[in-house]
């Protein structure tokens, strides 16, 4: 059986409150009594739980992080950025996913009720924004990463989806590409609408509005990019470029073009979005709008921990701009 604080108290002949005071350095305890308690702790090998000590001190020095799933292609970058800051600041992290739907959220809610963490970083699982907003309004500090266009009433960290997509349009236009196929993400996501608006706006400004037949809704998967290209090729719809709303669907487009004997970039140029490590390892390597994923995770964690140390939460979103990485899928310049 694990050693408990009650075991220490009985062996030392003191109350559990006295043991807690010795552990936490709070309250007055006579030197001899404190030494006796410490001796018993060492003899029994008692290790107080971080949560118990944290609650006694009024904080856990633990940050919660809620995400939809770890299978999202860019989730690891966001998590690493947040974890780097959390660890450097001497905090721990509790990670929660929503891979089991309501059951996952019930488990998460139980940890909220137990006050297992001091603040929360969130990549919003679908359908949870109202609940997360309630938590924030109830006093739990919350920072949202990658706002999907909902503009919540609490701080967020986001990137420039629209201008990033405009940069993709400008790059393709500079290479003479006049009929781009656009493989979007799910339309209900704010990032999808922003990327489509930015890219279409770039072409419209150049006097080349995008044919609606060249805009295909996808779901950010490899398969959606592959299928979109295959269907347009089979239908004989001409296009000289592909702009996919993430690198994974762009990789699917590359596969379909290669299978059809189309040369990239000579026949069709391809651009993705995210600039994940994957982009440098496709065939050919993929030009991509770089989303600052690790920086977004780090910025959110810094904001939350600074708030826990007494800094007010910001009133406006933190925006970290995209960049553009040129690789062989569009040419080398």
Protein backbone atom coordinates (compact mmCIF):
# COMPACT_ATOMS: atom_id res chain seq x y z
CA UNK A 1 0.00 0.00 0.00
CA UNK A 2 1.28 3.51 -0.74
CA UNK A 3 2.47 5.59 2.19
CA UNK A 4 0.06 8.42 3.01
CA UNK A 5 0.31 11.65 4.94
CA UNK A 6 -1.75 9.99 7.65
CA UNK A 7 0.92 7.28 8.05
CA UNK A 8 3.57 9.97 8.49
CA UNK A 9 1.45 11.78 11.06
CA UNK A 10 0.85 8.62 13.12
CA UNK A 11 4.52 7.61 13.08
CA UNK A 12 5.68 11.15 14.00
CA UNK A 13 2.98 11.59 16.67
CA UNK A 14 1.61 14.77 15.10
CA UNK A 15 -1.48 15.83 13.18
CA UNK A 16 -1.82 15.68 9.39
CA UNK A 17 -1.98 19.48 9.44
CA UNK A 18 1.45 19.63 11.04
CA UNK A 19 2.86 17.29 8.38
CA UNK A 20 1.35 19.50 5.66
CA UNK A 21 2.92 22.59 7.21
CA UNK A 22 6.32 20.93 7.21
CA UNK A 23 5.91 19.82 3.58
CA UNK A 24 4.73 23.21 2.36
CA UNK A 25 6.80 25.48 4.57
CA UNK A 26 3.69 27.29 5.76
CA UNK A 27 2.70 27.98 9.32
CA UNK A 28 4.86 27.79 12.42
CA UNK A 29 6.20 24.38 13.48
CA UNK A 30 8.76 23.94 16.24
CA UNK A 31 12.19 23.02 14.94
CA UNK A 32 12.30 19.72 16.84
CA UNK A 33 8.88 18.70 15.57
CA UNK A 34 9.75 19.61 12.00
CA UNK A 35 12.98 17.59 12.20
CA UNK A 36 11.05 14.59 13.56
CA UNK A 37 8.50 14.79 10.74
CA UNK A 38 11.23 15.00 8.11
CA UNK A 39 12.99 12.00 9.63
CA UNK A 40 9.80 9.95 9.45
CA UNK A 41 9.21 11.06 5.84
CA UNK A 42 12.68 9.85 4.92
CA UNK A 43 12.31 6.60 6.85
CA UNK A 44 8.97 5.73 5.27
CA UNK A 45 9.94 6.94 1.80
CA UNK A 46 6.85 9.12 1.63
CA UNK A 47 6.54 11.15 -1.61
CA UNK A 48 3.77 13.76 -1.52
CA UNK A 49 1.70 14.03 -4.70
CA UNK A 50 2.32 17.15 -6.72
CA UNK A 51 -1.40 17.82 -6.77
CA UNK A 52 -1.72 17.62 -2.98
CA UNK A 53 1.19 19.97 -2.44
CA UNK A 54 -0.10 22.30 -5.12
CA UNK A 55 -3.56 22.53 -3.63
CA UNK A 56 -2.07 23.28 -0.26
CA UNK A 57 -0.05 26.08 -1.79
CA UNK A 58 -3.05 27.46 -3.69
CA UNK A 59 -1.80 26.35 -7.14
CA UNK A 60 -0.77 23.17 -8.86
CA UNK A 61 1.94 24.56 -11.17
CA UNK A 62 0.31 22.40 -13.81
CA UNK A 63 -1.11 23.59 -17.14
CA UNK A 64 -3.91 21.69 -18.86
CA UNK A 65 -4.03 21.31 -22.62
CA UNK A 66 -7.15 20.16 -24.47
CA UNK A 67 -6.90 19.09 -28.12
CA UNK A 68 -9.17 17.19 -30.53
CA UNK A 69 -6.68 14.39 -31.27
CA UNK A 70 -2.98 13.73 -31.58
CA UNK A 71 -3.42 12.39 -35.12
CA UNK A 72 -3.78 15.84 -36.67
CA UNK A 73 -0.68 16.31 -38.85
CA UNK A 74 0.41 19.59 -37.22
CA UNK A 75 -0.57 18.85 -33.64
CA UNK A 76 2.89 17.65 -32.62
CA UNK A 77 4.46 20.99 -33.57
CA UNK A 78 1.94 22.97 -31.50
CA UNK A 79 2.34 20.64 -28.53
CA UNK A 80 6.12 20.82 -28.66
CA UNK A 81 6.08 24.61 -28.72
CA UNK A 82 3.80 24.71 -25.67
CA UNK A 83 5.70 21.97 -23.83
CA UNK A 84 9.05 23.71 -24.33
CA UNK A 85 7.78 26.82 -22.53
CA UNK A 86 5.86 24.95 -19.84
CA UNK A 87 8.89 22.84 -18.95
CA UNK A 88 11.28 25.79 -19.00
CA UNK A 89 9.04 27.62 -16.53
CA UNK A 90 8.97 24.69 -14.10
CA UNK A 91 5.36 23.72 -14.77
CA UNK A 92 3.89 20.34 -15.60
CA UNK A 93 1.34 19.64 -18.31
CA UNK A 94 -1.81 17.49 -18.35
CA UNK A 95 -2.85 16.60 -21.90
CA UNK A 96 -6.47 15.78 -22.77
CA UNK A 97 -7.85 14.61 -26.12
CA UNK A 98 -11.44 14.22 -27.34
CA UNK A 99 -10.95 11.01 -29.27
CA UNK A 100 -13.79 9.33 -27.33
CA UNK A 101 -16.29 12.17 -27.62
CA UNK A 102 -18.58 12.71 -24.64
CA UNK A 103 -16.67 10.20 -22.53
CA UNK A 104 -13.45 12.15 -23.06
CA UNK A 105 -15.14 15.40 -22.12
CA UNK A 106 -16.61 13.89 -18.95
CA UNK A 107 -13.14 12.83 -17.88
CA UNK A 108 -11.80 16.26 -18.70
CA UNK A 109 -14.62 17.92 -16.74
CA UNK A 110 -13.81 15.78 -13.70
CA UNK A 111 -10.24 17.09 -13.76
CA UNK A 112 -11.53 20.64 -14.05
CA UNK A 113 -13.73 20.06 -11.00
CA UNK A 114 -10.76 18.62 -9.10
CA UNK A 115 -8.76 21.76 -9.93
CA UNK A 116 -5.98 19.61 -11.30
CA UNK A 117 -4.44 22.49 -13.27
CA UNK A 118 -4.11 26.26 -12.98
CA UNK A 119 -4.94 27.27 -16.55
CA UNK A 120 -5.85 25.75 -19.91
CA UNK A 121 -4.44 25.80 -23.43
CA UNK A 122 -7.00 24.74 -26.06
CA UNK A 123 -6.98 23.65 -29.67
CA UNK A 124 -10.74 23.63 -29.90
CA UNK A 125 -12.43 20.25 -30.30
CA UNK A 126 -15.61 20.68 -32.29
CA UNK A 127 -18.66 21.57 -30.25
CA UNK A 128 -16.78 22.52 -27.08
CA UNK A 129 -16.41 26.29 -27.44
CA UNK A 130 -19.44 27.16 -25.30
CA UNK A 131 -18.21 24.92 -22.49
CA UNK A 132 -14.67 26.30 -22.69
CA UNK A 133 -16.09 29.82 -22.62
CA UNK A 134 -18.05 28.95 -19.47
CA UNK A 135 -14.84 27.70 -17.83
CA UNK A 136 -13.07 30.94 -18.64
CA UNK A 137 -15.96 33.07 -17.42
CA UNK A 138 -15.98 30.96 -14.25
CA UNK A 139 -12.40 31.93 -13.47
CA UNK A 140 -10.21 29.37 -15.25
CA UNK A 141 -7.66 31.16 -17.46
CA UNK A 142 -7.96 29.87 -21.03
CA UNK A 143 -5.87 30.54 -24.15
CA UNK A 144 -7.16 29.30 -27.51
CA UNK A 145 -4.65 28.21 -30.16
CA UNK A 146 -5.63 28.40 -33.85
CA UNK A 147 -8.97 30.17 -33.55
CA UNK A 148 -11.24 28.85 -36.31
CA UNK A 149 -12.96 32.17 -36.82
CA UNK A 150 -15.31 32.01 -33.84
CA UNK A 151 -13.64 34.97 -32.10
CA UNK A 152 -14.20 33.79 -28.53
CA UNK A 153 -14.42 36.08 -25.55
CA UNK A 154 -11.03 35.02 -24.21
CA UNK A 155 -7.43 35.29 -25.47
CA UNK A 156 -6.28 33.46 -28.56
CA UNK A 157 -3.20 32.91 -30.68
CA UNK A 158 -3.67 32.68 -34.41
CA UNK A 159 -1.91 33.11 -37.73
CA UNK A 160 -2.53 35.01 -40.96
CA UNK A 161 -4.43 32.45 -43.03
CA UNK A 162 -5.77 34.94 -45.55
CA UNK A 163 -2.51 36.74 -46.29
CA UNK A 164 -0.68 33.41 -46.36
CA UNK A 165 -3.03 32.19 -49.07
CA UNK A 166 -2.55 35.46 -50.95
CA UNK A 167 1.19 34.80 -50.88
CA UNK A 168 0.53 31.40 -52.47
CA UNK A 169 -1.57 33.06 -55.17
CA UNK A 170 1.11 35.67 -55.85
CA UNK A 171 3.77 32.96 -56.15
CA UNK A 172 1.73 30.92 -58.63
CA UNK A 173 0.78 33.99 -60.66
CA UNK A 174 4.45 34.98 -60.86
CA UNK A 175 5.08 31.56 -62.41
CA UNK A 176 2.35 32.09 -65.01
CA UNK A 177 -0.23 29.76 -63.49
CA UNK A 178 -3.68 31.00 -64.51
CA UNK A 179 -6.02 28.07 -63.76
CA UNK A 180 -5.38 26.75 -60.25
CA UNK A 181 -7.33 23.89 -58.71
CA UNK A 182 -8.12 24.68 -55.07
CA UNK A 183 -8.56 21.75 -52.68
CA UNK A 184 -10.05 23.35 -49.59
CA UNK A 185 -10.48 22.15 -46.05
CA UNK A 186 -13.88 21.70 -44.45
CA UNK A 187 -15.93 24.83 -45.21
CA UNK A 188 -17.23 25.12 -41.65
CA UNK A 189 -13.73 25.97 -40.41
CA UNK A 190 -12.76 29.62 -40.29
CA UNK A 191 -9.26 28.84 -41.55
CA UNK A 192 -10.75 27.26 -44.70
CA UNK A 193 -12.86 30.32 -45.44
CA UNK A 194 -9.91 32.64 -44.83
CA UNK A 195 -7.53 30.65 -47.03
CA UNK A 196 -10.07 30.46 -49.84
CA UNK A 197 -10.83 34.17 -49.60
CA UNK A 198 -7.16 35.13 -49.64
CA UNK A 199 -6.26 32.89 -52.57
CA UNK A 200 -9.32 33.76 -54.65
CA UNK A 201 -8.80 37.43 -53.85
CA UNK A 202 -5.24 37.30 -55.11
CA UNK A 203 -6.38 35.86 -58.44
CA UNK A 204 -9.34 38.23 -58.71
CA UNK A 205 -7.05 41.21 -58.18
CA UNK A 206 -4.96 39.94 -61.11
CA UNK A 207 -8.08 39.82 -63.30
CA UNK A 208 -8.27 36.03 -63.16
CA UNK A 209 -11.27 35.04 -61.02
CA UNK A 210 -11.15 31.34 -60.15
CA UNK A 211 -13.62 29.08 -61.95
CA UNK A 212 -16.02 27.57 -59.39
CA UNK A 213 -15.46 24.18 -61.06
CA UNK A 214 -11.86 24.40 -59.85
CA UNK A 215 -12.78 24.74 -56.16
CA UNK A 216 -13.23 21.34 -54.50
CA UNK A 217 -14.08 20.89 -50.83
CA UNK A 218 -11.77 18.49 -49.05
CA UNK A 219 -11.21 17.38 -45.48
CA UNK A 220 -7.46 17.92 -44.99
CA UNK A 221 -6.62 14.27 -45.81
CA UNK A 222 -4.20 12.76 -48.32
CA UNK A 223 -7.12 11.02 -50.00
CA UNK A 224 -9.10 14.19 -50.66
CA UNK A 225 -6.18 15.73 -52.55
CA UNK A 226 -5.64 12.60 -54.59
CA UNK A 227 -9.32 12.17 -55.46
CA UNK A 228 -9.83 15.84 -56.39
CA UNK A 229 -7.00 15.72 -58.94
CA UNK A 230 -8.09 12.34 -60.34
CA UNK A 231 -11.68 13.51 -60.88
CA UNK A 232 -10.74 16.71 -62.66
CA UNK A 233 -8.26 14.91 -64.86
CA UNK A 234 -10.88 12.28 -65.72
CA UNK A 235 -13.42 15.01 -66.51
CA UNK A 236 -10.97 16.79 -68.78
CA UNK A 237 -11.07 20.01 -66.74
CA UNK A 238 -7.82 21.88 -67.44
CA UNK A 239 -5.70 23.26 -64.59
CA UNK A 240 -2.06 24.24 -64.35
CA UNK A 241 -1.64 24.45 -60.55
CA UNK A 242 -3.00 23.03 -57.31
CA UNK A 243 -3.38 25.00 -54.09
CA UNK A 244 -4.24 22.59 -51.27
CA UNK A 245 -5.28 23.87 -47.86
CA UNK A 246 -2.80 21.63 -46.07
CA UNK A 247 0.35 19.69 -46.89
CA UNK A 248 -1.26 16.28 -46.53
CA UNK A 249 -3.88 16.92 -49.23
CA UNK A 250 -1.16 18.53 -51.37
CA UNK A 251 0.82 15.29 -51.06
CA UNK A 252 -2.26 13.42 -52.29
CA UNK A 253 -2.46 15.75 -55.29
CA UNK A 254 1.21 15.11 -56.06
CA UNK A 255 0.57 11.36 -55.99
CA UNK A 256 -2.37 11.62 -58.40
CA UNK A 257 -0.41 13.81 -60.81
CA UNK A 258 2.52 11.42 -60.75
CA UNK A 259 0.20 8.43 -61.36
CA UNK A 260 -1.33 10.26 -64.35
CA UNK A 261 2.06 11.02 -65.85
CA UNK A 262 1.79 14.77 -65.25
CA UNK A 263 5.10 16.47 -64.54
CA UNK A 264 5.44 18.68 -61.45
CA UNK A 265 6.07 21.57 -61.78
CA UNK A 266 6.40 21.58 -65.61
CA UNK A 267 2.76 20.64 -66.28
CA UNK A 268 1.19 21.43 -62.90
CA UNK A 269 2.64 23.38 -59.96
CA UNK A 270 1.56 22.39 -56.44
CA UNK A 271 1.43 24.45 -53.22
CA UNK A 272 0.44 23.27 -49.76
CA UNK A 273 -0.25 24.97 -46.43
CA UNK A 274 1.43 24.36 -43.03
CA UNK A 275 5.01 23.60 -44.17
CA UNK A 276 5.29 20.51 -42.00
CA UNK A 277 8.44 18.37 -42.14
CA UNK A 278 6.48 16.24 -44.65
CA UNK A 279 6.72 19.08 -47.19
CA UNK A 280 10.46 18.64 -47.55
CA UNK A 281 10.16 14.91 -48.22
CA UNK A 282 7.47 14.67 -50.91
CA UNK A 283 8.39 14.00 -54.55
CA UNK A 284 9.16 16.65 -55.58
CA UNK A 285 9.58 18.66 -52.36
CA UNK A 286 6.52 20.81 -51.72
CA UNK A 287 6.29 24.59 -51.78
CA UNK A 288 4.11 25.55 -48.83
CA UNK A 289 2.72 28.41 -46.79
CA UNK A 290 4.50 28.09 -43.47
CA UNK A 291 2.12 28.18 -40.54
CA UNK A 292 4.09 29.08 -37.36
CA UNK A 293 2.75 26.13 -35.40
CA UNK A 294 5.49 25.72 -32.82
CA UNK A 295 5.62 29.48 -32.26
CA UNK A 296 1.84 29.55 -31.74
CA UNK A 297 2.02 26.86 -29.07
CA UNK A 298 4.91 28.63 -27.36
CA UNK A 299 3.20 32.04 -27.46
CA UNK A 300 0.02 30.62 -25.93
CA UNK A 301 1.96 28.93 -23.12
CA UNK A 302 3.98 32.08 -22.39
CA UNK A 303 0.80 34.17 -22.22
CA UNK A 304 -0.88 31.72 -19.84
CA UNK A 305 2.10 31.33 -17.51
CA UNK A 306 2.69 35.09 -17.44
CA UNK A 307 -0.94 35.50 -16.40
CA UNK A 308 -0.56 32.91 -13.66
CA UNK A 309 2.36 35.03 -12.40
CA UNK A 310 0.17 38.15 -12.28
CA UNK A 311 0.16 39.66 -15.77
CA UNK A 312 -3.33 40.55 -17.09
CA UNK A 313 -4.56 38.55 -20.06
CA UNK A 314 -4.39 40.42 -23.39
CA UNK A 315 -7.54 42.01 -24.80
CA UNK A 316 -6.67 41.25 -28.42
CA UNK A 317 -5.54 38.08 -30.21
CA UNK A 318 -1.86 37.36 -30.62
CA UNK A 319 -1.20 37.06 -34.36
CA UNK A 320 1.95 35.38 -35.66
CA UNK A 321 2.35 35.78 -39.43
CA UNK A 322 2.75 33.03 -41.99
CA UNK A 323 5.73 32.77 -44.33
CA UNK A 324 6.25 31.08 -47.69
CA UNK A 325 8.72 28.30 -48.40
CA UNK A 326 9.65 27.72 -52.04
CA UNK A 327 10.59 24.19 -53.11
CA UNK A 328 10.72 22.21 -56.32
CA UNK A 329 6.94 21.62 -56.69
CA UNK A 330 6.60 25.15 -58.11
CA UNK A 331 10.14 25.70 -59.38
CA UNK A 332 13.18 26.86 -57.46
CA UNK A 333 12.61 30.64 -57.60
